[in-house]
Each structure stands twice: as C-alpha cells, then as structure tokens.
Amino acid sequence: MRRLGILTIFGLLLFAITAPAATAASPHFKHGGTPVCRDAGTTIECKGALAGLGNADVVFRLSADGLASFACVNPGGNESPGQNKVPFTASSVTTISAGDIKNGNLAFSVSAPQTPPTATAAEAGCPNGNWSTRLTEVSFSNVRLVIEQPAGTVIFTCTRTGAVTGSFQQLTCQ
C-alpha cells in the first residue's frame, strides 16, 4: 500500500513538472501591438504585433463588409461615376510560417480582399450593357480578424463595428 502511495505521488510530481512545458506558449499582443486597421482605398489593411507565440504557423483570417464604387466607362473610353454602390464581403486568409516567428515575437500586416470586387454595368448603375466598369473605391465596415496558432486553434478574435476610415483604428480583441 505504501509503495502504491509513493508511486502515485511520484506520478503526480512528474505530471506537475512536465505540464507547464506543454503549455509554455502564452500568446498576447505586445505593448502597442493590438491590431489596428485602415481603409487603403480598395483594400483594408490591418497590422499588429504578437508575443508569446509557440513554434507553429500563424493564420490570419480577415473579413469586412464592403461597398464598392465603380466608374462607368463608355465604348469611347469616357468615364462617369456609377450610380450604385455594390455590396460584397472582403476576405483573405494569410499564413505566416513558424520560421518567421523570432523568439516568440511576430509583427504582422494583412489586407483584404485578395481579389478586388467586380461589377457588371447593370450592378454599377451604368446607362446600358455596352459600358464597362472600373473599381474606384471601397468603403469598409464591421471588421473581423481571427488569429489562429496552430491553424484551427483560435487564439484571438478581434472586431471593429461600424465604418473604418482612412486612418488606423484599433480593434477590440478577445
């Protein structure tokens, strides 16, 4: 009985010593590194700085509501503003390799959409189907940035409700 008690205590002690090593990574934002985003014309850009990362790839999933403005281009090449703003979801997935993490630290910059929105002449509000469209600007709102490490394990979900203007604006992260 005494031998069983000693083995149990030894097993618990061994678990207590090795358990912290398995959970050594404690991701957090560096001082001043909480993500900020800005409207860059036809893309939304977000940047920040993380610390306490483990040795695995980091995945950034960025999305925002977008309203795209288009110019209408007639067959002669003359432009006029489109009459309709076209709604779409701007999104991107960016993976940063574990090899780019230095001593648990990573500065990041991600943007969306990965491909610019398009619209038909009718969607943009052009006079007729003979006209073509050219993207001129996008307004962004309701930003969501999900950060995972490793892929599939969410470490932060950052959001900003409402419009994002040209200057950098901070997200709220949980």
Protein backbone atom coordinates (compact mmCIF):
# COMPACT_ATOMS: atom_id res chain seq x y z
CA MET A 1 0.00 0.00 0.00
CA ARG A 2 2.83 2.35 0.90
CA ARG A 3 4.53 1.57 -2.44
CA LEU A 4 1.31 2.50 -4.31
CA GLY A 5 1.15 5.83 -2.45
CA ILE A 6 4.77 6.64 -3.31
CA LEU A 7 4.20 5.77 -6.98
CA THR A 8 1.07 7.96 -7.07
CA ILE A 9 2.93 10.91 -5.54
CA PHE A 10 5.85 10.39 -7.94
CA GLY A 11 3.43 10.28 -10.90
CA LEU A 12 1.69 13.49 -9.80
CA LEU A 13 5.04 15.21 -9.27
CA LEU A 14 6.22 14.16 -12.73
CA PHE A 15 2.96 15.46 -14.27
CA ALA A 16 3.30 18.78 -12.41
CA ILE A 17 6.85 19.25 -13.71
CA THR A 18 6.08 18.42 -17.35
CA ALA A 19 2.62 20.05 -17.71
CA PRO A 20 3.89 23.67 -17.84
CA ALA A 21 6.24 22.76 -20.70
CA ALA A 22 3.30 21.65 -22.80
CA THR A 23 1.54 25.00 -22.30
CA ALA A 24 4.60 27.25 -22.46
CA ALA A 25 3.22 29.44 -25.26
CA SER A 26 1.06 32.28 -23.92
CA PRO A 27 0.20 34.48 -26.89
CA HIS A 28 -0.52 38.14 -26.23
CA PHE A 29 -0.22 41.45 -28.03
CA LYS A 30 2.96 43.40 -27.47
CA HIS A 31 2.64 46.83 -25.82
CA GLY A 32 1.17 49.00 -28.57
CA GLY A 33 0.67 45.91 -30.76
CA THR A 34 -3.11 45.50 -30.55
CA PRO A 35 -4.35 45.28 -34.15
CA VAL A 36 -5.28 48.47 -35.97
CA CYS A 37 -6.91 48.71 -39.40
CA ARG A 38 -7.27 51.36 -42.06
CA ASP A 39 -9.16 51.86 -45.28
CA ALA A 40 -6.49 51.94 -48.01
CA GLY A 41 -8.80 52.80 -50.91
CA THR A 42 -9.71 49.43 -52.40
CA THR A 43 -8.31 47.24 -49.59
CA ILE A 44 -8.48 47.18 -45.82
CA GLU A 45 -5.12 46.78 -44.07
CA CYS A 46 -4.61 45.53 -40.51
CA LYS A 47 -1.34 45.36 -38.58
CA GLY A 48 -0.18 44.48 -35.10
CA ALA A 49 2.48 42.67 -33.07
CA LEU A 50 2.24 39.42 -31.12
CA ALA A 51 4.47 37.92 -28.45
CA GLY A 52 4.49 34.64 -26.54
CA LEU A 53 3.85 32.55 -29.64
CA GLY A 54 4.71 28.89 -29.92
CA ASN A 55 6.55 27.15 -32.75
CA ALA A 56 3.71 26.75 -35.27
CA ASP A 57 2.36 28.64 -38.27
CA VAL A 58 0.06 31.59 -37.52
CA VAL A 59 -3.10 32.01 -39.61
CA PHE A 60 -4.88 35.37 -40.02
CA ARG A 61 -8.48 35.37 -41.29
CA LEU A 62 -9.54 38.93 -42.14
CA SER A 63 -13.05 39.88 -43.27
CA ALA A 64 -15.09 43.08 -43.57
CA ASP A 65 -18.27 44.33 -45.15
CA GLY A 66 -17.52 46.35 -48.27
CA LEU A 67 -19.38 48.79 -50.50
CA ALA A 68 -17.60 49.14 -53.84
CA SER A 69 -17.90 52.22 -56.06
CA PHE A 70 -17.32 51.93 -59.79
CA ALA A 71 -16.81 54.29 -62.69
CA CYS A 72 -18.84 53.59 -65.82
CA VAL A 73 -16.71 53.60 -68.99
CA ASN A 74 -18.47 54.08 -72.33
CA PRO A 75 -17.23 52.42 -75.55
CA GLY A 76 -15.30 55.62 -76.41
CA GLY A 77 -13.30 55.41 -73.13
CA ASN A 78 -15.03 58.30 -71.33
CA GLU A 79 -15.88 57.77 -67.66
CA SER A 80 -18.69 58.85 -65.41
CA PRO A 81 -19.45 57.78 -61.84
CA GLY A 82 -21.57 54.67 -61.40
CA GLN A 83 -24.92 55.22 -59.72
CA ASN A 84 -24.91 52.19 -57.38
CA LYS A 85 -22.60 51.04 -54.61
CA VAL A 86 -22.13 47.28 -54.85
CA PRO A 87 -22.05 45.33 -51.52
CA PHE A 88 -19.58 42.47 -51.06
CA THR A 89 -17.56 40.72 -48.35
CA ALA A 90 -13.84 41.47 -48.37
CA SER A 91 -11.89 38.48 -47.08
CA SER A 92 -8.43 36.98 -47.00
CA VAL A 93 -6.51 34.19 -45.32
CA THR A 94 -2.82 34.78 -44.66
CA THR A 95 -0.49 32.16 -43.18
CA ILE A 96 2.84 33.18 -41.67
CA SER A 97 5.36 30.39 -41.29
CA ALA A 98 6.64 29.34 -37.88
CA GLY A 99 10.12 30.15 -39.21
CA ASP A 100 9.19 33.84 -39.35
CA ILE A 101 8.46 33.92 -35.61
CA LYS A 102 11.51 35.23 -33.76
CA ASN A 103 11.80 34.37 -30.06
CA GLY A 104 8.01 34.10 -29.86
CA ASN A 105 7.51 37.54 -31.48
CA LEU A 106 5.76 38.38 -34.74
CA ALA A 107 4.86 41.73 -36.33
CA PHE A 108 2.14 41.25 -38.93
CA SER A 109 0.37 43.15 -41.68
CA VAL A 110 -2.57 41.62 -43.57
CA SER A 111 -5.03 43.01 -46.10
CA ALA A 112 -8.30 42.11 -47.83
CA PRO A 113 -9.76 41.45 -50.29
CA GLN A 114 -7.26 39.18 -52.01
CA THR A 115 -9.01 39.84 -55.34
CA PRO A 116 -10.77 43.15 -56.00
CA PRO A 117 -14.55 43.17 -56.40
CA THR A 118 -16.08 43.43 -59.86
CA ALA A 119 -19.47 44.57 -61.08
CA THR A 120 -21.46 44.42 -64.28
CA ALA A 121 -22.62 47.63 -65.92
CA ALA A 122 -26.13 46.99 -64.58
CA GLU A 123 -24.89 46.38 -60.99
CA ALA A 124 -22.87 49.61 -61.03
CA GLY A 125 -25.78 51.61 -62.44
CA CYS A 126 -24.26 52.39 -65.85
CA PRO A 127 -26.54 53.61 -68.68
CA ASN A 128 -26.52 50.29 -70.58
CA GLY A 129 -24.76 46.97 -71.03
CA ASN A 130 -22.34 48.38 -73.63
CA TRP A 131 -20.50 50.23 -70.87
CA SER A 132 -17.74 48.61 -68.76
CA THR A 133 -16.82 49.28 -65.15
CA ARG A 134 -13.66 50.28 -63.26
CA LEU A 135 -13.31 49.94 -59.47
CA THR A 136 -12.65 53.37 -57.92
CA GLU A 137 -13.11 52.99 -54.17
CA VAL A 138 -14.35 50.71 -51.42
CA SER A 139 -15.85 51.67 -48.05
CA PHE A 140 -15.26 49.13 -45.28
CA SER A 141 -17.11 48.40 -42.06
CA ASN A 142 -17.57 45.65 -39.46
CA VAL A 143 -14.03 44.25 -39.47
CA ARG A 144 -13.25 40.80 -38.04
CA LEU A 145 -9.71 39.45 -37.63
CA VAL A 146 -9.33 35.89 -36.35
CA ILE A 147 -5.82 34.77 -35.37
CA GLU A 148 -5.02 31.06 -35.06
CA GLN A 149 -1.98 29.15 -33.85
CA PRO A 150 -1.71 26.42 -34.95
CA ALA A 151 -4.21 26.51 -37.83
CA GLY A 152 -7.67 25.73 -36.49
CA THR A 153 -6.92 26.85 -32.91
CA VAL A 154 -8.23 30.39 -32.36
CA ILE A 155 -6.05 32.47 -30.04
CA PHE A 156 -7.71 35.87 -30.70
CA THR A 157 -10.86 37.21 -32.32
CA CYS A 158 -10.63 40.96 -32.97
CA THR A 159 -13.51 43.11 -34.18
CA ARG A 160 -14.49 46.65 -35.02
CA THR A 161 -18.14 47.54 -35.56
CA GLY A 162 -19.00 50.41 -37.85
CA ALA A 163 -17.10 52.20 -40.59
CA VAL A 164 -13.32 52.19 -40.93
CA THR A 165 -11.90 55.48 -42.19
CA GLY A 166 -8.56 56.21 -43.87
CA SER A 167 -6.57 56.41 -40.62
CA PHE A 168 -5.65 53.44 -38.45
CA GLN A 169 -8.36 52.47 -35.96
CA GLN A 170 -7.97 49.96 -33.13
CA LEU A 171 -9.83 46.66 -32.96
CA THR A 172 -11.20 45.06 -29.80
CA CYS A 173 -9.71 41.62 -29.17
CA GLN A 174 -10.77 38.68 -27.03
